[in-house]
PDB file of N, CA and C in Angstrom:
ATOM      1  N   MET A   1       2.618  26.209  -4.849  1.00  0.00           N
ATOM      2  CA  MET A   1       4.592  25.707  -4.491  1.00  0.00           C
ATOM      3  C   MET A   1       4.448  26.696  -3.488  1.00  0.00           C
ATOM      4  N   ASN A   2       5.440  26.998  -2.605  1.00  0.00           N
ATOM      5  CA  ASN A   2       5.724  27.953  -1.460  1.00  0.00           C
ATOM      6  C   ASN A   2       7.242  28.236  -2.254  1.00  0.00           C
ATOM      7  N   LYS A   3       7.599  27.539  -2.100  1.00  0.00           N
ATOM      8  CA  LYS A   3       9.450  27.829  -2.690  1.00  0.00           C
ATOM      9  C   LYS A   3       9.874  27.864  -3.900  1.00  0.00           C
ATOM     10  N   SER A   4      10.143  28.701  -4.001  1.00  0.00           N
ATOM     11  CA  SER A   4      11.439  29.030  -5.047  1.00  0.00           C
ATOM     12  C   SER A   4      12.479  27.462  -5.896  1.00  0.00           C
ATOM     13  N   VAL A   5      12.533  26.560  -6.368  1.00  0.00           N
ATOM     14  CA  VAL A   5      13.320  25.794  -7.288  1.00  0.00           C
ATOM     15  C   VAL A   5      14.447  26.612  -8.186  1.00  0.00           C
ATOM     16  N   PHE A   6      15.490  26.418  -7.871  1.00  0.00           N
ATOM     17  CA  PHE A   6      17.085  26.329  -8.877  1.00  0.00           C
ATOM     18  C   PHE A   6      17.143  25.687  -9.119  1.00  0.00           C
ATOM     19  N   TYR A   7      16.926  25.762 -10.179  1.00  0.00           N
ATOM     20  CA  TYR A   7      17.878  24.653 -11.566  1.00  0.00           C
ATOM     21  C   TYR A   7      18.941  24.532 -11.706  1.00  0.00           C
ATOM     22  N   HIS A   8      20.084  23.785 -11.970  1.00  0.00           N
ATOM     23  CA  HIS A   8      21.158  24.071 -12.221  1.00  0.00           C
ATOM     24  C   HIS A   8      21.808  22.493 -12.698  1.00  0.00           C
ATOM     25  N   ALA A   9      22.935  22.849 -13.147  1.00  0.00           N
ATOM     26  CA  ALA A   9      24.153  21.381 -14.134  1.00  0.00           C
ATOM     27  C   ALA A   9      24.787  21.276 -12.898  1.00  0.00           C
ATOM     28  N   GLY A  10      25.242  22.265 -12.266  1.00  0.00           N
ATOM     29  CA  GLY A  10      26.499  21.369 -11.598  1.00  0.00           C
ATOM     30  C   GLY A  10      28.212  22.666 -11.872  1.00  0.00           C
ATOM     31  N   CYS A  11      27.641  23.390 -13.070  1.00  0.00           N
ATOM     32  CA  CYS A  11      28.888  23.608 -13.596  1.00  0.00           C
ATOM     33  C   CYS A  11      29.445  25.281 -13.129  1.00  0.00           C
ATOM     34  N   SER A  12      30.373  25.584 -12.906  1.00  0.00           N
ATOM     35  CA  SER A  12      31.177  26.521 -11.636  1.00  0.00           C
ATOM     36  C   SER A  12      30.364  28.434 -12.459  1.00  0.00           C
ATOM     37  N   VAL A  13      29.763  27.879 -13.304  1.00  0.00           N
ATOM     38  CA  VAL A  13      29.001  28.813 -13.551  1.00  0.00           C
ATOM     39  C   VAL A  13      27.096  29.332 -12.517  1.00  0.00           C
ATOM     40  N   CYS A  14      26.525  27.650 -12.545  1.00  0.00           N
ATOM     41  CA  CYS A  14      25.583  27.341 -11.558  1.00  0.00           C
ATOM     42  C   CYS A  14      25.678  27.559 -10.671  1.00  0.00           C
ATOM     43  N   ILE A  15      26.862  26.895  -9.674  1.00  0.00           N
ATOM     44  CA  ILE A  15      27.306  26.528  -8.993  1.00  0.00           C
ATOM     45  C   ILE A  15      27.356  28.760  -7.494  1.00  0.00           C
ATOM     46  N   SER A  16      27.587  29.137  -8.826  1.00  0.00           N
ATOM     47  CA  SER A  16      28.317  30.772  -8.351  1.00  0.00           C
ATOM     48  C   SER A  16      26.522  31.278  -7.990  1.00  0.00           C
ATOM     49  N   ALA A  17      26.158  30.976  -8.870  1.00  0.00           N
ATOM     50  CA  ALA A  17      24.540  31.440  -8.718  1.00  0.00           C
ATOM     51  C   ALA A  17      24.180  30.657  -7.820  1.00  0.00           C
ATOM     52  N   GLU A  18      24.033  29.236  -7.543  1.00  0.00           N
ATOM     53  CA  GLU A  18      23.039  28.996  -6.634  1.00  0.00           C
ATOM     54  C   GLU A  18      24.276  29.536  -4.979  1.00  0.00           C
ATOM     55  N   HIS A  19      25.196  29.604  -4.870  1.00  0.00           N
ATOM     56  CA  HIS A  19      25.604  30.425  -3.628  1.00  0.00           C
ATOM     57  C   HIS A  19      25.222  32.092  -3.753  1.00  0.00           C
ATOM     58  N   ASP A  20      24.684  32.362  -4.550  1.00  0.00           N
ATOM     59  CA  ASP A  20      23.885  33.878  -4.785  1.00  0.00           C
ATOM     60  C   ASP A  20      22.537  33.934  -4.029  1.00  0.00           C
ATOM     61  N   ILE A  21      22.070  33.128  -4.981  1.00  0.00           N
ATOM     62  CA  ILE A  21      20.488  32.710  -4.630  1.00  0.00           C
ATOM     63  C   ILE A  21      20.630  32.348  -3.401  1.00  0.00           C
ATOM     64  N   LEU A  22      20.869  30.899  -2.741  1.00  0.00           N
ATOM     65  CA  LEU A  22      21.159  30.982  -1.243  1.00  0.00           C
ATOM     66  C   LEU A  22      20.831  32.563  -0.121  1.00  0.00           C
ATOM     67  N   GLU A  23      22.716  33.100  -0.851  1.00  0.00           N
ATOM     68  CA  GLU A  23      22.375  34.715   0.562  1.00  0.00           C
ATOM     69  C   GLU A  23      22.013  35.310  -0.061  1.00  0.00           C
ATOM     70  N   LEU A  24      21.012  35.648  -0.956  1.00  0.00           N
ATOM     71  CA  LEU A  24      19.741  36.780  -1.579  1.00  0.00           C
ATOM     72  C   LEU A  24      18.324  35.873  -0.689  1.00  0.00           C
ATOM     73  N   VAL A  25      17.858  34.404  -0.819  1.00  0.00           N
ATOM     74  CA  VAL A  25      16.122  34.233  -0.798  1.00  0.00           C
ATOM     75  C   VAL A  25      16.407  33.632  -0.020  1.00  0.00           C
ATOM     76  N   GLY A  26      17.528  32.726   0.948  1.00  0.00           N
ATOM     77  CA  GLY A  26      17.689  32.351   2.055  1.00  0.00           C
ATOM     78  C   GLY A  26      17.572  30.549   1.555  1.00  0.00           C
ATOM     79  N   ASN A  27      17.938  29.890   2.821  1.00  0.00           N
ATOM     80  CA  ASN A  27      17.880  28.289   2.080  1.00  0.00           C
ATOM     81  C   ASN A  27      16.891  27.507   2.696  1.00  0.00           C
ATOM     82  N   GLU A  28      15.899  28.426   3.702  1.00  0.00           N
ATOM     83  CA  GLU A  28      14.239  27.679   3.425  1.00  0.00           C
ATOM     84  C   GLU A  28      13.594  28.402   2.593  1.00  0.00           C
ATOM     85  N   ASN A  29      13.932  29.594   1.908  1.00  0.00           N
ATOM     86  CA  ASN A  29      12.924  29.586   0.935  1.00  0.00           C
ATOM     87  C   ASN A  29      13.415  29.221  -0.609  1.00  0.00           C
ATOM     88  N   VAL A  30      14.274  28.513  -0.663  1.00  0.00           N
ATOM     89  CA  VAL A  30      14.315  27.769  -1.796  1.00  0.00           C
ATOM     90  C   VAL A  30      15.321  25.842  -2.277  1.00  0.00           C
ATOM     91  N   GLU A  31      14.447  26.131  -2.898  1.00  0.00           N
ATOM     92  CA  GLU A  31      15.141  24.338  -3.159  1.00  0.00           C
ATOM     93  C   GLU A  31      16.062  24.083  -4.312  1.00  0.00           C
ATOM     94  N   ILE A  32      17.120  23.921  -4.430  1.00  0.00           N
ATOM     95  CA  ILE A  32      18.514  23.578  -4.985  1.00  0.00           C
ATOM     96  C   ILE A  32      17.969  22.106  -5.542  1.00  0.00           C
ATOM     97  N   VAL A  33      17.970  22.358  -6.830  1.00  0.00           N
ATOM     98  CA  VAL A  33      18.607  20.618  -7.447  1.00  0.00           C
ATOM     99  C   VAL A  33      19.175  21.079  -8.637  1.00  0.00           C
ATOM    100  N   ASN A  34      20.022  20.317  -8.451  1.00  0.00           N
ATOM    101  CA  ASN A  34      21.463  19.741  -9.728  1.00  0.00           C
ATOM    102  C   ASN A  34      20.704  18.908 -10.638  1.00  0.00           C
ATOM    103  N   ILE A  35      20.151  19.577 -11.748  1.00  0.00           N
ATOM    104  CA  ILE A  35      19.444  18.263 -12.402  1.00  0.00           C
ATOM    105  C   ILE A  35      20.751  17.544 -13.502  1.00  0.00           C
ATOM    106  N   GLY A  36      21.693  17.743 -13.820  1.00  0.00           N
ATOM    107  CA  GLY A  36      23.097  17.003 -13.729  1.00  0.00           C
ATOM    108  C   GLY A  36      23.437  15.933 -13.166  1.00  0.00           C
ATOM    109  N   GLU A  37      22.690  16.123 -11.679  1.00  0.00           N
ATOM    110  CA  GLU A  37      23.391  14.636 -10.713  1.00  0.00           C
ATOM    111  C   GLU A  37      21.091  13.706 -10.817  1.00  0.00           C
ATOM    112  N   VAL A  38      20.462  14.899 -10.398  1.00  0.00           N
ATOM    113  CA  VAL A  38      19.158  14.246 -10.428  1.00  0.00           C
ATOM    114  C   VAL A  38      18.335  14.586 -11.824  1.00  0.00           C
ATOM    115  N   ARG A  39      18.834  13.567 -13.006  1.00  0.00           N
ATOM    116  CA  ARG A  39      18.202  13.630 -13.433  1.00  0.00           C
ATOM    117  C   ARG A  39      16.607  13.660 -14.207  1.00  0.00           C
ATOM    118  N   ASP A  40      15.994  13.050 -13.445  1.00  0.00           N
ATOM    119  CA  ASP A  40      14.986  12.898 -13.677  1.00  0.00           C
ATOM    120  C   ASP A  40      13.886  13.812 -13.246  1.00  0.00           C
ATOM    121  N   ARG A  41      13.964  14.315 -12.564  1.00  0.00           N
ATOM    122  CA  ARG A  41      14.009  16.158 -12.705  1.00  0.00           C
ATOM    123  C   ARG A  41      13.938  17.282 -13.961  1.00  0.00           C
ATOM    124  N   ILE A  42      15.074  16.296 -15.027  1.00  0.00           N
ATOM    125  CA  ILE A  42      14.368  17.381 -16.362  1.00  0.00           C
ATOM    126  C   ILE A  42      13.357  17.864 -17.088  1.00  0.00           C
ATOM    127  N   PRO A  43      12.476  16.519 -16.944  1.00  0.00           N
ATOM    128  CA  PRO A  43      11.552  17.500 -17.113  1.00  0.00           C
ATOM    129  C   PRO A  43      10.103  17.636 -16.675  1.00  0.00           C
ATOM    130  N   GLU A  44      10.256  18.186 -15.981  1.00  0.00           N
ATOM    131  CA  GLU A  44       9.639  19.070 -14.548  1.00  0.00           C
ATOM    132  C   GLU A  44       9.967  20.162 -15.217  1.00  0.00           C
ATOM    133  N   ALA A  45      11.921  20.108 -14.764  1.00  0.00           N
ATOM    134  CA  ALA A  45      11.888  21.543 -15.289  1.00  0.00           C
ATOM    135  C   ALA A  45      11.748  22.187 -16.706  1.00  0.00           C
ATOM    136  N   GLU A  46      11.883  21.508 -18.169  1.00  0.00           N
ATOM    137  CA  GLU A  46      11.190  21.520 -18.469  1.00  0.00           C
ATOM    138  C   GLU A  46       9.870  21.828 -18.921  1.00  0.00           C
ATOM    139  N   LYS A  47       8.935  21.814 -18.011  1.00  0.00           N
ATOM    140  CA  LYS A  47       8.325  21.461 -18.520  1.00  0.00           C
ATOM    141  C   LYS A  47       6.869  22.652 -17.198  1.00  0.00           C
ATOM    142  N   ALA A  48       7.931  23.420 -16.603  1.00  0.00           N
ATOM    143  CA  ALA A  48       7.581  24.672 -15.736  1.00  0.00           C
ATOM    144  C   ALA A  48       8.514  26.259 -16.283  1.00  0.00           C
ATOM    145  N   GLY A  49       9.290  25.705 -17.919  1.00  0.00           N
ATOM    146  CA  GLY A  49       9.898  26.441 -19.115  1.00  0.00           C
ATOM    147  C   GLY A  49      11.043  27.091 -18.631  1.00  0.00           C
ATOM    148  N   VAL A  50      12.404  26.470 -18.251  1.00  0.00           N
ATOM    149  CA  VAL A  50      13.841  26.163 -17.879  1.00  0.00           C
ATOM    150  C   VAL A  50      13.733  25.441 -19.593  1.00  0.00           C
ATOM    151  N   GLN A  51      14.633  26.965 -19.825  1.00  0.00           N
ATOM    152  CA  GLN A  51      15.258  26.301 -21.602  1.00  0.00           C
ATOM    153  C   GLN A  51      16.712  26.148 -20.908  1.00  0.00           C
ATOM    154  N   SER A  52      17.492  27.451 -20.013  1.00  0.00           N
ATOM    155  CA  SER A  52      18.758  27.268 -19.671  1.00  0.00           C
ATOM    156  C   SER A  52      18.914  27.413 -18.119  1.00  0.00           C
ATOM    157  N   VAL A  53      20.011  26.486 -18.310  1.00  0.00           N
ATOM    158  CA  VAL A  53      20.236  26.734 -16.064  1.00  0.00           C
ATOM    159  C   VAL A  53      21.694  27.352 -16.153  1.00  0.00           C
ATOM    160  N   PRO A  54      22.118  28.097 -15.045  1.00  0.00           N
ATOM    161  CA  PRO A  54      21.410  28.162 -14.171  1.00  0.00           C
ATOM    162  C   PRO A  54      19.442  28.679 -13.879  1.00  0.00           C
ATOM    163  N   ALA A  55      18.745  28.241 -13.519  1.00  0.00           N
ATOM    164  CA  ALA A  55      17.182  28.993 -14.185  1.00  0.00           C
ATOM    165  C   ALA A  55      16.306  29.096 -12.401  1.00  0.00           C
ATOM    166  N   LEU A  56      15.611  30.388 -11.855  1.00  0.00           N
ATOM    167  CA  LEU A  56      14.991  30.445 -10.625  1.00  0.00           C
ATOM    168  C   LEU A  56      13.606  30.361 -10.801  1.00  0.00           C
ATOM    169  N   LEU A  57      13.101  28.917 -10.642  1.00  0.00           N
ATOM    170  CA  LEU A  57      11.378  28.687 -10.809  1.00  0.00           C
ATOM    171  C   LEU A  57      10.976  29.850  -9.493  1.00  0.00           C
ATOM    172  N   THR A  58      10.510  30.785  -9.872  1.00  0.00           N
ATOM    173  CA  THR A  58       9.707  31.583  -8.488  1.00  0.00           C
ATOM    174  C   THR A  58       7.847  30.987  -7.980  1.00  0.00           C
ATOM    175  N   PRO A  59       7.793  30.634  -6.852  1.00  0.00           N
ATOM    176  CA  PRO A  59       6.163  30.329  -6.066  1.00  0.00           C
ATOM    177  C   PRO A  59       4.875  30.456  -6.961  1.00  0.00           C
ATOM    178  N   LYS A  60       5.536  31.888  -7.717  1.00  0.00           N
ATOM    179  CA  LYS A  60       4.338  31.751  -8.498  1.00  0.00           C
ATOM    180  C   LYS A  60       3.939  31.487  -9.922  1.00  0.00           C
ATOM    181  N   GLY A  61       5.335  30.677 -10.265  1.00  0.00           N
ATOM    182  CA  GLY A  61       5.187  29.924 -11.809  1.00  0.00           C
ATOM    183  C   GLY A  61       6.139  30.243 -12.560  1.00  0.00           C
ATOM    184  N   ASN A  62       6.494  31.339 -12.017  1.00  0.00           N
ATOM    185  CA  ASN A  62       7.394  32.635 -13.451  1.00  0.00           C
ATOM    186  C   ASN A  62       8.939  31.614 -13.525  1.00  0.00           C
ATOM    187  N   VAL A  63       9.948  31.270 -14.895  1.00  0.00           N
ATOM    188  CA  VAL A  63      11.610  31.055 -15.079  1.00  0.00           C
ATOM    189  C   VAL A  63      12.013  32.594 -15.035  1.00  0.00           C
ATOM    190  N   LEU A  64      12.852  32.471 -13.684  1.00  0.00           N
ATOM    191  CA  LEU A  64      14.125  33.159 -14.537  1.00  0.00           C
ATOM    192  C   LEU A  64      14.899  32.749 -14.643  1.00  0.00           C
ATOM    193  N   HIS A  65      15.727  33.212 -16.042  1.00  0.00           N
ATOM    194  CA  HIS A  65      16.976  32.465 -16.322  1.00  0.00           C
ATOM    195  C   HIS A  65      18.067  33.466 -15.691  1.00  0.00           C
ATOM    196  N   LEU A  66      19.022  33.194 -15.420  1.00  0.00           N
ATOM    197  CA  LEU A  66      20.715  33.435 -15.100  1.00  0.00           C
ATOM    198  C   LEU A  66      20.811  33.365 -16.034  1.00  0.00           C
ATOM    199  N   ASN A  67      22.763  33.702 -15.434  1.00  0.00           N
ATOM    200  CA  ASN A  67      23.703  34.418 -15.759  1.00  0.00           C
ATOM    201  C   ASN A  67      23.935  32.381 -17.043  1.00  0.00           C
ATOM    202  N   PHE A  68      24.000  32.858 -18.639  1.00  0.00           N
ATOM    203  CA  PHE A  68      24.292  30.655 -18.908  1.00  0.00           C
ATOM    204  C   PHE A  68      24.804  30.169 -18.382  1.00  0.00           C
ATOM    205  N   GLY A  69      24.926  29.104 -18.510  1.00  0.00           N
ATOM    206  CA  GLY A  69      26.303  28.444 -17.819  1.00  0.00           C
ATOM    207  C   GLY A  69      25.137  26.905 -19.273  1.00  0.00           C
ATOM    208  N   ALA A  70      23.926  26.608 -19.594  1.00  0.00           N
ATOM    209  CA  ALA A  70      24.306  25.140 -20.553  1.00  0.00           C
ATOM    210  C   ALA A  70      22.243  25.018 -20.429  1.00  0.00           C
ATOM    211  N   SER A  71      22.051  24.754 -21.808  1.00  0.00           N
ATOM    212  CA  SER A  71      21.241  24.568 -22.506  1.00  0.00           C
ATOM    213  C   SER A  71      20.684  23.327 -21.907  1.00  0.00           C
ATOM    214  N   MET A  72      19.120  22.909 -21.532  1.00  0.00           N
ATOM    215  CA  MET A  72      18.413  22.169 -21.658  1.00  0.00           C
ATOM    216  C   MET A  72      19.197  21.033 -22.475  1.00  0.00           C
ATOM    217  N   ALA A  73      18.985  21.331 -23.807  1.00  0.00           N
ATOM    218  CA  ALA A  73      19.944  20.024 -24.755  1.00  0.00           C
ATOM    219  C   ALA A  73      21.421  19.763 -24.413  1.00  0.00           C
ATOM    220  N   ASP A  74      21.935  20.750 -24.152  1.00  0.00           N
ATOM    221  CA  ASP A  74      22.865  20.251 -23.610  1.00  0.00           C
ATOM    222  C   ASP A  74      23.085  19.393 -22.116  1.00  0.00           C
ATOM    223  N   VAL A  75      22.104  19.663 -21.212  1.00  0.00           N
ATOM    224  CA  VAL A  75      22.090  18.689 -20.136  1.00  0.00           C
ATOM    225  C   VAL A  75      22.203  17.817 -20.317  1.00  0.00           C
ATOM    226  N   LYS A  76      20.179  16.989 -21.302  1.00  0.00           N
ATOM    227  CA  LYS A  76      20.003  16.344 -21.528  1.00  0.00           C
ATOM    228  C   LYS A  76      21.442  15.695 -22.059  1.00  0.00           C
ATOM    229  N   GLY A  77      22.352  15.953 -22.783  1.00  0.00           N
ATOM    230  CA  GLY A  77      22.984  15.101 -23.451  1.00  0.00           C
ATOM    231  C   GLY A  77      22.407  14.688 -25.394  1.00  0.00           C
TER     232      GLY A  77
END
């Protein structure tokens, strides 16, 4: 993995964090995944260790859980 992956669910907390992440690391260095809309990416996020969103998966495989927006259980509904 060359880019970080920023997982979020589209809530206001997530959107705010998305803007900050893009400003910090740049569009070219992060893939934005709204798992509220692209639900088939939820298993991928869970396998990577994402427990809540917003979360940033680093290129080395570390998951950085950011300002709590929603648990994965809430996202899955």
